[in-house]
Amino acid sequence: LCVVIAVGVWQRMVFGGLFSFSSDYRIEGPFPELHTGGADLHAYLVLAIPVVASMIVLWPGWKTALTGGALLGAAGYVLAVTFTRGAYVGGLGALLVMMVAVLLGMRQRRGRRGGMLVAAGALVLAVVAIAVPVLGGTFMKDRVSAAGTDAKTRMQHWQGALDMMDGSMQTTVLGMGLGAFPRTFLLKNPPEASGTVSFRNEG
């Protein structure tokens, strides 16, 4: 997680500006798959953040609380500057699960209430401190306003992919097989699937 945070912060510093939330630059972190639309960075962060919160709860103490709180804030910042709407939904889901876990843990482990309260407080502060400036930036406002149009386009893509599948029972149960999408798309949509590569000099 520290490596992912470090790479994400470095990318923001070099390409977008740490606190420039109107720039349309979106980080990839150490996950190169994002240039083709992958969600690896977002998924990793949404799954890793609750682990940090559990560290604060399981090993209470000011050292753990400070380290964990700093990690939560940094990871929350990196998640925010992905500018990915799905990641925000996943992050809120993870936050809700963590808050429920904290409340249940407080009932079962009375001796560790301090650490749990610190974890909950750090989570809430991190979310508020990061969400307000990011969501207030023009780039994220534009992405939120375009959510309906983007969702319609993606639904059309998914429906097109389903329409290309064979109608057999085997396909319905098991799918078309690993790696079958590029081949199927090429065979069923030759004009759209064909592509060219060229090198050009500009200026």
Protein backbone atom coordinates (compact mmCIF):
# COMPACT_ATOMS: atom_id res chain seq x y z
CA LEU A 1 0.00 0.00 0.00
CA CYS A 2 2.86 2.38 0.78
CA VAL A 3 4.35 1.73 -2.67
CA VAL A 4 1.01 2.32 -4.39
CA ILE A 5 0.52 5.56 -2.45
CA ALA A 6 4.07 6.74 -3.22
CA VAL A 7 3.68 6.10 -6.97
CA GLY A 8 0.24 7.76 -7.03
CA VAL A 9 1.45 10.86 -5.19
CA TRP A 10 4.52 11.08 -7.44
CA GLN A 11 2.35 10.90 -10.56
CA ARG A 12 0.11 13.68 -9.25
CA MET A 13 3.12 15.86 -8.45
CA VAL A 14 4.69 15.37 -11.87
CA PHE A 15 1.67 15.36 -14.18
CA GLY A 16 -1.36 16.90 -12.49
CA GLY A 17 -0.44 18.86 -9.39
CA LEU A 18 -1.06 17.57 -5.87
CA PHE A 19 -3.90 19.96 -5.13
CA SER A 20 -5.10 20.77 -8.63
CA PHE A 21 -8.51 19.12 -8.77
CA SER A 22 -9.53 20.71 -12.06
CA SER A 23 -6.82 18.94 -14.10
CA ASP A 24 -8.11 16.00 -16.15
CA TYR A 25 -5.03 13.88 -15.41
CA ARG A 26 -5.93 10.51 -13.83
CA ILE A 27 -3.24 8.46 -12.11
CA GLU A 28 -2.46 4.82 -12.86
CA GLY A 29 -0.24 4.06 -9.89
CA PRO A 30 1.93 0.99 -10.48
CA PHE A 31 -0.88 -0.65 -12.52
CA PRO A 32 -0.22 -0.15 -16.27
CA GLU A 33 -3.49 -1.89 -17.21
CA LEU A 34 -5.39 1.35 -16.61
CA HIS A 35 -4.45 2.72 -20.03
CA THR A 36 -6.87 0.15 -21.48
CA GLY A 37 -9.60 0.90 -18.95
CA GLY A 38 -8.69 -1.53 -16.17
CA ALA A 39 -9.81 -0.95 -12.59
CA ASP A 40 -6.84 -2.53 -10.81
CA LEU A 41 -5.74 0.55 -8.86
CA HIS A 42 -9.24 1.37 -7.66
CA ALA A 43 -10.00 -2.20 -6.66
CA TYR A 44 -6.70 -2.52 -4.81
CA LEU A 45 -7.29 0.65 -2.79
CA VAL A 46 -10.89 -0.21 -1.91
CA LEU A 47 -9.71 -3.61 -0.61
CA ALA A 48 -6.58 -2.33 1.15
CA ILE A 49 -8.10 0.56 3.08
CA PRO A 50 -10.20 -1.68 5.40
CA VAL A 51 -7.05 -3.69 6.20
CA VAL A 52 -5.41 -0.52 7.51
CA ALA A 53 -8.48 0.25 9.63
CA SER A 54 -8.43 -3.28 11.07
CA MET A 55 -4.73 -2.82 11.92
CA ILE A 56 -5.66 0.16 14.10
CA VAL A 57 -8.38 -1.83 15.84
CA LEU A 58 -6.41 -5.06 16.36
CA TRP A 59 -3.19 -3.43 17.58
CA PRO A 60 -4.37 -0.40 19.55
CA GLY A 61 -1.87 2.23 20.56
CA TRP A 62 -0.92 5.76 19.60
CA LYS A 63 1.90 4.65 17.32
CA THR A 64 -0.43 2.37 15.36
CA ALA A 65 -3.18 5.00 15.39
CA LEU A 66 -0.88 7.70 13.98
CA THR A 67 0.66 5.39 11.36
CA GLY A 68 -2.68 3.92 10.39
CA GLY A 69 -4.37 7.32 10.30
CA ALA A 70 -1.67 8.69 8.02
CA LEU A 71 -1.99 5.66 5.75
CA LEU A 72 -5.78 6.02 5.66
CA GLY A 73 -5.53 9.67 4.70
CA ALA A 74 -2.90 9.05 2.03
CA ALA A 75 -4.76 6.06 0.58
CA GLY A 76 -7.99 8.06 0.59
CA TYR A 77 -6.27 10.88 -1.30
CA VAL A 78 -4.92 8.47 -3.93
CA LEU A 79 -8.35 6.86 -4.29
CA ALA A 80 -9.91 10.31 -4.70
CA VAL A 81 -7.51 11.46 -7.43
CA THR A 82 -8.30 8.43 -9.56
CA PHE A 83 -11.45 10.48 -10.34
CA THR A 84 -13.31 7.21 -10.81
CA ARG A 85 -16.98 7.19 -9.90
CA GLY A 86 -17.06 3.43 -9.32
CA ALA A 87 -14.11 3.72 -6.97
CA TYR A 88 -15.99 6.34 -4.95
CA VAL A 89 -18.99 4.02 -4.65
CA GLY A 90 -16.70 1.15 -3.64
CA GLY A 91 -14.91 3.37 -1.14
CA LEU A 92 -18.20 4.42 0.45
CA GLY A 93 -19.23 0.76 0.64
CA ALA A 94 -15.95 -0.12 2.33
CA LEU A 95 -16.41 2.81 4.71
CA LEU A 96 -19.88 1.60 5.70
CA VAL A 97 -18.59 -1.93 6.31
CA MET A 98 -15.74 -0.58 8.44
CA MET A 99 -18.06 1.61 10.49
CA VAL A 100 -20.37 -1.35 11.17
CA ALA A 101 -17.33 -3.44 12.14
CA VAL A 102 -16.17 -0.71 14.53
CA LEU A 103 -19.59 -0.52 16.19
CA LEU A 104 -19.79 -4.31 16.56
CA GLY A 105 -16.23 -4.44 17.83
CA MET A 106 -16.96 -1.80 20.45
CA ARG A 107 -19.73 -3.99 21.85
CA GLN A 108 -17.58 -7.12 21.94
CA ARG A 109 -14.21 -5.72 22.98
CA ARG A 110 -14.72 -3.03 25.54
CA GLY A 111 -11.02 -2.81 26.32
CA ARG A 112 -10.20 -1.70 22.77
CA ARG A 113 -12.75 1.05 22.39
CA GLY A 114 -10.08 3.74 22.23
CA GLY A 115 -8.40 2.25 19.16
CA MET A 116 -11.73 1.68 17.47
CA LEU A 117 -12.86 5.24 18.09
CA VAL A 118 -9.55 6.54 16.72
CA ALA A 119 -10.01 4.35 13.61
CA ALA A 120 -13.56 5.60 13.11
CA GLY A 121 -12.56 9.22 13.67
CA ALA A 122 -9.60 8.95 11.29
CA LEU A 123 -11.86 7.46 8.62
CA VAL A 124 -14.47 10.19 8.89
CA LEU A 125 -11.88 12.99 8.93
CA ALA A 126 -10.02 11.50 5.96
CA VAL A 127 -13.22 11.17 3.93
CA VAL A 128 -14.38 14.73 4.65
CA ALA A 129 -10.95 16.33 4.17
CA ILE A 130 -10.44 14.62 0.82
CA ALA A 131 -13.96 14.54 -0.61
CA VAL A 132 -14.76 18.25 -0.26
CA PRO A 133 -11.95 19.67 -2.46
CA VAL A 134 -11.99 16.79 -4.96
CA LEU A 135 -15.74 16.83 -5.53
CA GLY A 136 -15.62 20.62 -5.69
CA GLY A 137 -13.15 20.55 -8.59
CA THR A 138 -14.43 21.20 -12.10
CA PHE A 139 -13.12 17.89 -13.52
CA MET A 140 -15.08 15.71 -11.08
CA LYS A 141 -18.16 17.88 -11.44
CA ASP A 142 -18.04 17.27 -15.20
CA ARG A 143 -17.62 13.52 -14.66
CA VAL A 144 -20.56 13.37 -12.27
CA SER A 145 -22.77 15.34 -14.65
CA ALA A 146 -21.84 12.95 -17.49
CA ALA A 147 -22.59 9.82 -15.43
CA GLY A 148 -25.96 9.18 -17.07
CA THR A 149 -24.59 9.42 -20.62
CA ASP A 150 -21.56 7.26 -19.76
CA ALA A 151 -23.79 4.63 -18.12
CA LYS A 152 -25.95 4.45 -21.26
CA THR A 153 -22.85 4.00 -23.46
CA ARG A 154 -21.50 1.23 -21.22
CA MET A 155 -24.85 -0.55 -21.19
CA GLN A 156 -24.76 -0.52 -25.00
CA HIS A 157 -21.22 -1.97 -24.94
CA TRP A 158 -22.25 -4.75 -22.54
CA GLN A 159 -25.36 -5.53 -24.58
CA GLY A 160 -23.25 -5.67 -27.74
CA ALA A 161 -20.86 -8.11 -26.07
CA LEU A 162 -23.78 -10.32 -24.99
CA ASP A 163 -25.25 -10.22 -28.50
CA MET A 164 -21.97 -11.54 -29.96
CA MET A 165 -22.05 -14.67 -27.77
CA ASP A 166 -23.13 -18.01 -29.20
CA GLY A 167 -26.60 -19.14 -28.25
CA SER A 168 -25.57 -22.61 -27.02
CA MET A 169 -26.25 -23.91 -23.51
CA GLN A 170 -22.52 -24.40 -22.97
CA THR A 171 -21.88 -20.71 -23.65
CA THR A 172 -24.75 -19.70 -21.39
CA VAL A 173 -23.31 -21.73 -18.51
CA LEU A 174 -19.55 -21.41 -19.05
CA GLY A 175 -19.12 -18.39 -21.31
CA MET A 176 -17.09 -18.23 -24.52
CA GLY A 177 -13.74 -19.07 -22.89
CA LEU A 178 -10.77 -17.09 -21.63
CA GLY A 179 -9.43 -14.63 -24.20
CA ALA A 180 -12.35 -15.21 -26.56
CA PHE A 181 -13.57 -11.61 -26.74
CA PRO A 182 -10.92 -10.17 -29.15
CA ARG A 183 -11.28 -13.13 -31.52
CA THR A 184 -15.09 -13.03 -31.42
CA PHE A 185 -15.15 -9.26 -31.92
CA LEU A 186 -12.77 -9.54 -34.88
CA LEU A 187 -14.84 -12.26 -36.58
CA LYS A 188 -18.24 -10.67 -36.00
CA ASN A 189 -17.33 -6.98 -36.45
CA PRO A 190 -14.48 -6.84 -39.02
CA PRO A 191 -14.83 -3.13 -39.94
CA GLU A 192 -14.86 -2.01 -36.30
CA ALA A 193 -12.17 -4.43 -35.17
CA SER A 194 -9.62 -3.61 -37.86
CA GLY A 195 -6.94 -1.13 -36.92
CA THR A 196 -3.79 0.42 -38.24
CA VAL A 197 -0.61 1.58 -36.56
CA SER A 198 1.50 4.39 -37.92
CA PHE A 199 4.28 6.68 -36.75
CA ARG A 200 3.94 10.38 -37.42
CA ASN A 201 6.10 13.40 -36.83
CA GLU A 202 4.25 16.39 -35.42
CA GLY A 203 5.99 19.73 -35.57
